[in-house]
Amino acid sequence: MPTYDYLCPENGKTVEISHRMVETLTTWGDLCERAGIEPGDTPAESPVRKVITGGAAILGGSSRDTAPMPEMSGSACCNGGGCGCG
């Protein structure tokens, strides 16, 4: 199951929790119950929102991606320096 971060603006706390992609938690009470934590002084009905976090990069490739990189000529990174990065 994927993990998600939820922020409670009422108390400024962010909680990470795993759940199915089709689920969304909307209150601090629901979030605390699912995470197995005490709600503390924050009212259970306080809204929470899912925080967008950076995704993980997938490195590597398929066996089809095995062609060697072309060699650079001179100080340019492409033939004749047409790409502008040389």
N, C-alpha and C. Protein backbone atom coordinates (compact mmCIF):
# COMPACT_ATOMS: atom_id res chain seq x y z
N MET A 1 0.84 -1.19 0.00
CA MET A 1 0.00 0.00 0.00
C MET A 1 0.88 1.25 0.00
N PRO A 2 0.47 2.27 -0.72
CA PRO A 2 1.25 3.51 -0.73
C PRO A 2 1.12 4.27 0.58
N THR A 3 2.09 5.12 0.84
CA THR A 3 2.04 5.97 2.03
C THR A 3 1.72 7.39 1.62
N TYR A 4 1.02 8.08 2.50
CA TYR A 4 0.61 9.45 2.26
C TYR A 4 0.89 10.28 3.51
N ASP A 5 1.18 11.55 3.31
CA ASP A 5 1.33 12.50 4.41
C ASP A 5 0.07 13.34 4.48
N TYR A 6 -0.45 13.51 5.70
CA TYR A 6 -1.61 14.35 5.94
C TYR A 6 -1.21 15.45 6.91
N LEU A 7 -1.65 16.67 6.63
CA LEU A 7 -1.37 17.83 7.47
C LEU A 7 -2.65 18.28 8.16
N CYS A 8 -2.54 18.55 9.45
CA CYS A 8 -3.65 19.14 10.20
C CYS A 8 -3.30 20.61 10.43
N PRO A 9 -3.97 21.53 9.74
CA PRO A 9 -3.68 22.95 9.93
C PRO A 9 -3.96 23.43 11.36
N GLU A 10 -4.86 22.77 12.05
CA GLU A 10 -5.23 23.15 13.42
C GLU A 10 -4.04 23.06 14.37
N ASN A 11 -3.23 21.98 14.23
CA ASN A 11 -2.11 21.79 15.15
C ASN A 11 -0.75 21.82 14.45
N GLY A 12 -0.74 21.92 13.12
CA GLY A 12 0.51 21.99 12.37
C GLY A 12 1.25 20.68 12.25
N LYS A 13 0.64 19.57 12.65
CA LYS A 13 1.31 18.27 12.61
C LYS A 13 1.05 17.56 11.29
N THR A 14 2.08 16.86 10.82
CA THR A 14 1.98 16.03 9.63
C THR A 14 2.15 14.59 10.07
N VAL A 15 1.26 13.71 9.58
CA VAL A 15 1.29 12.29 9.93
C VAL A 15 1.37 11.49 8.64
N GLU A 16 2.27 10.51 8.62
CA GLU A 16 2.41 9.62 7.48
C GLU A 16 1.62 8.35 7.75
N ILE A 17 0.85 7.91 6.76
CA ILE A 17 0.02 6.73 6.94
C ILE A 17 -0.10 5.98 5.61
N SER A 18 -0.25 4.68 5.71
CA SER A 18 -0.47 3.84 4.52
C SER A 18 -1.95 3.54 4.40
N HIS A 19 -2.46 3.66 3.18
CA HIS A 19 -3.82 3.23 2.90
C HIS A 19 -4.00 3.06 1.40
N ARG A 20 -5.11 2.46 1.02
CA ARG A 20 -5.38 2.23 -0.40
C ARG A 20 -5.51 3.57 -1.13
N MET A 21 -5.22 3.55 -2.42
CA MET A 21 -5.25 4.77 -3.22
C MET A 21 -6.65 5.39 -3.29
N VAL A 22 -7.68 4.58 -3.20
CA VAL A 22 -9.05 5.11 -3.32
C VAL A 22 -9.55 5.73 -2.03
N GLU A 23 -8.81 5.59 -0.94
CA GLU A 23 -9.22 6.14 0.35
C GLU A 23 -8.67 7.56 0.54
N THR A 24 -9.41 8.36 1.28
CA THR A 24 -8.94 9.68 1.69
C THR A 24 -9.45 9.93 3.11
N LEU A 25 -8.58 10.36 3.97
CA LEU A 25 -8.97 10.70 5.34
C LEU A 25 -9.25 12.19 5.39
N THR A 26 -10.29 12.57 6.12
CA THR A 26 -10.70 13.98 6.12
C THR A 26 -10.63 14.67 7.47
N THR A 27 -10.56 13.90 8.57
CA THR A 27 -10.53 14.53 9.89
C THR A 27 -9.35 14.03 10.71
N TRP A 28 -8.96 14.86 11.68
CA TRP A 28 -7.86 14.52 12.58
C TRP A 28 -8.18 13.24 13.36
N GLY A 29 -9.44 13.08 13.77
CA GLY A 29 -9.82 11.89 14.51
C GLY A 29 -9.66 10.62 13.69
N ASP A 30 -10.11 10.66 12.42
CA ASP A 30 -9.95 9.50 11.54
C ASP A 30 -8.47 9.19 11.31
N LEU A 31 -7.69 10.24 11.10
CA LEU A 31 -6.25 10.06 10.86
C LEU A 31 -5.57 9.43 12.07
N CYS A 32 -5.85 9.96 13.25
CA CYS A 32 -5.23 9.42 14.47
C CYS A 32 -5.63 7.98 14.71
N GLU A 33 -6.90 7.67 14.47
CA GLU A 33 -7.37 6.30 14.65
C GLU A 33 -6.64 5.33 13.72
N ARG A 34 -6.51 5.70 12.45
CA ARG A 34 -5.81 4.85 11.48
C ARG A 34 -4.33 4.73 11.78
N ALA A 35 -3.73 5.82 12.27
CA ALA A 35 -2.29 5.82 12.56
C ALA A 35 -1.98 5.20 13.92
N GLY A 36 -3.00 5.00 14.75
CA GLY A 36 -2.79 4.44 16.08
C GLY A 36 -2.13 5.41 17.04
N ILE A 37 -2.45 6.71 16.90
CA ILE A 37 -1.87 7.73 17.78
C ILE A 37 -2.99 8.44 18.53
N GLU A 38 -2.63 9.06 19.63
CA GLU A 38 -3.59 9.83 20.42
C GLU A 38 -3.82 11.19 19.77
N PRO A 39 -5.07 11.66 19.74
CA PRO A 39 -5.35 12.96 19.11
C PRO A 39 -4.87 14.16 19.92
N GLY A 40 -4.57 13.96 21.19
CA GLY A 40 -4.12 15.08 22.02
C GLY A 40 -5.22 16.09 22.22
N ASP A 41 -4.88 17.37 22.23
CA ASP A 41 -5.84 18.44 22.47
C ASP A 41 -6.58 18.90 21.21
N THR A 42 -6.20 18.37 20.06
CA THR A 42 -6.82 18.78 18.80
C THR A 42 -8.19 18.12 18.66
N PRO A 43 -9.23 18.89 18.37
CA PRO A 43 -10.56 18.30 18.20
C PRO A 43 -10.58 17.26 17.08
N ALA A 44 -11.27 16.16 17.32
CA ALA A 44 -11.32 15.05 16.35
C ALA A 44 -11.91 15.49 15.02
N GLU A 45 -12.80 16.47 15.02
CA GLU A 45 -13.44 16.90 13.78
C GLU A 45 -12.61 17.90 12.97
N SER A 46 -11.41 18.24 13.45
CA SER A 46 -10.55 19.17 12.71
C SER A 46 -10.19 18.56 11.36
N PRO A 47 -10.28 19.36 10.29
CA PRO A 47 -9.98 18.83 8.96
C PRO A 47 -8.49 18.58 8.76
N VAL A 48 -8.19 17.59 7.95
CA VAL A 48 -6.82 17.33 7.52
C VAL A 48 -6.82 17.30 6.00
N ARG A 49 -5.63 17.52 5.43
CA ARG A 49 -5.52 17.46 3.98
C ARG A 49 -4.28 16.68 3.59
N LYS A 50 -4.40 15.99 2.48
CA LYS A 50 -3.28 15.21 1.97
C LYS A 50 -2.24 16.18 1.42
N VAL A 51 -0.98 15.94 1.79
CA VAL A 51 0.12 16.79 1.36
C VAL A 51 0.80 16.12 0.18
N ILE A 52 1.05 16.87 -0.86
CA ILE A 52 1.75 16.33 -2.01
C ILE A 52 3.24 16.31 -1.69
N THR A 53 3.82 15.14 -1.81
CA THR A 53 5.25 14.99 -1.54
C THR A 53 5.95 14.54 -2.81
N GLY A 54 7.26 14.70 -2.83
CA GLY A 54 8.03 14.27 -3.98
C GLY A 54 7.97 12.77 -4.15
N GLY A 55 7.86 12.32 -5.36
CA GLY A 55 7.83 10.90 -5.65
C GLY A 55 9.23 10.32 -5.73
N ALA A 56 9.31 9.03 -5.69
CA ALA A 56 10.58 8.34 -5.81
C ALA A 56 10.93 8.21 -7.29
N ALA A 57 12.18 8.38 -7.60
CA ALA A 57 12.64 8.22 -8.97
C ALA A 57 12.94 6.75 -9.22
N ILE A 58 12.54 6.28 -10.37
CA ILE A 58 12.85 4.91 -10.75
C ILE A 58 14.07 4.96 -11.65
N LEU A 59 15.13 4.35 -11.19
CA LEU A 59 16.37 4.37 -11.94
C LEU A 59 16.54 3.05 -12.69
N GLY A 60 17.26 3.12 -13.76
CA GLY A 60 17.47 1.91 -14.55
C GLY A 60 16.58 1.93 -15.76
N GLY A 61 16.56 0.84 -16.44
CA GLY A 61 15.75 0.77 -17.64
C GLY A 61 15.55 -0.67 -18.04
N SER A 62 14.91 -0.84 -19.15
CA SER A 62 14.66 -2.19 -19.63
C SER A 62 15.88 -2.67 -20.40
N SER A 63 15.86 -3.92 -20.75
CA SER A 63 16.98 -4.48 -21.50
C SER A 63 17.07 -3.87 -22.89
N ARG A 64 16.02 -3.20 -23.35
CA ARG A 64 16.05 -2.53 -24.65
C ARG A 64 16.89 -1.27 -24.60
N ASP A 65 17.15 -0.72 -23.43
CA ASP A 65 17.87 0.53 -23.29
C ASP A 65 19.37 0.31 -23.14
N THR A 66 19.95 -0.54 -23.95
CA THR A 66 21.36 -0.88 -23.78
C THR A 66 22.23 -0.31 -24.88
N ALA A 67 21.72 0.52 -25.76
CA ALA A 67 22.52 1.11 -26.83
C ALA A 67 23.57 2.03 -26.22
N PRO A 68 24.81 1.96 -26.70
CA PRO A 68 25.86 2.84 -26.14
C PRO A 68 25.59 4.30 -26.51
N MET A 69 26.02 5.17 -25.64
CA MET A 69 25.89 6.60 -25.88
C MET A 69 26.89 7.01 -26.95
N PRO A 70 26.54 7.93 -27.85
CA PRO A 70 27.51 8.37 -28.87
C PRO A 70 28.64 9.15 -28.21
N GLU A 71 29.81 9.03 -28.81
CA GLU A 71 30.97 9.74 -28.26
C GLU A 71 30.89 11.21 -28.63
N MET A 72 31.40 12.06 -27.74
CA MET A 72 31.41 13.50 -27.98
C MET A 72 32.63 13.87 -28.79
N SER A 73 32.46 14.84 -29.66
CA SER A 73 33.60 15.30 -30.44
C SER A 73 34.06 16.64 -29.89
N GLY A 74 35.31 16.77 -29.60
CA GLY A 74 35.85 18.02 -29.07
C GLY A 74 35.26 18.33 -27.71
N SER A 75 34.98 19.61 -27.45
CA SER A 75 34.44 20.01 -26.15
C SER A 75 32.93 20.08 -26.17
N ALA A 76 32.31 19.81 -27.31
CA ALA A 76 30.87 19.88 -27.41
C ALA A 76 30.24 18.54 -26.99
N CYS A 77 29.03 18.60 -26.47
CA CYS A 77 28.38 17.37 -26.05
C CYS A 77 27.59 16.71 -27.17
N CYS A 78 27.51 17.34 -28.31
CA CYS A 78 26.88 16.72 -29.48
C CYS A 78 27.72 17.10 -30.70
N ASN A 79 27.55 16.39 -31.76
CA ASN A 79 28.36 16.67 -32.94
C ASN A 79 28.16 18.11 -33.40
N GLY A 80 29.22 18.85 -33.45
CA GLY A 80 29.19 20.23 -33.91
C GLY A 80 28.73 21.24 -32.89
N GLY A 81 28.39 20.79 -31.69
CA GLY A 81 27.97 21.71 -30.64
C GLY A 81 26.60 22.33 -30.86
N GLY A 82 25.77 21.71 -31.68
CA GLY A 82 24.45 22.27 -32.01
C GLY A 82 23.48 22.33 -30.85
N CYS A 83 23.72 21.56 -29.81
CA CYS A 83 22.78 21.57 -28.69
C CYS A 83 23.02 22.72 -27.74
N GLY A 84 24.16 23.35 -27.80
CA GLY A 84 24.43 24.51 -26.97
C GLY A 84 24.95 24.23 -25.59
N CYS A 85 25.20 22.97 -25.27
CA CYS A 85 25.68 22.67 -23.90
C CYS A 85 27.18 22.49 -23.85
N GLY A 86 27.88 22.64 -24.94
CA GLY A 86 29.32 22.39 -24.95
C GLY A 86 30.12 23.53 -24.64
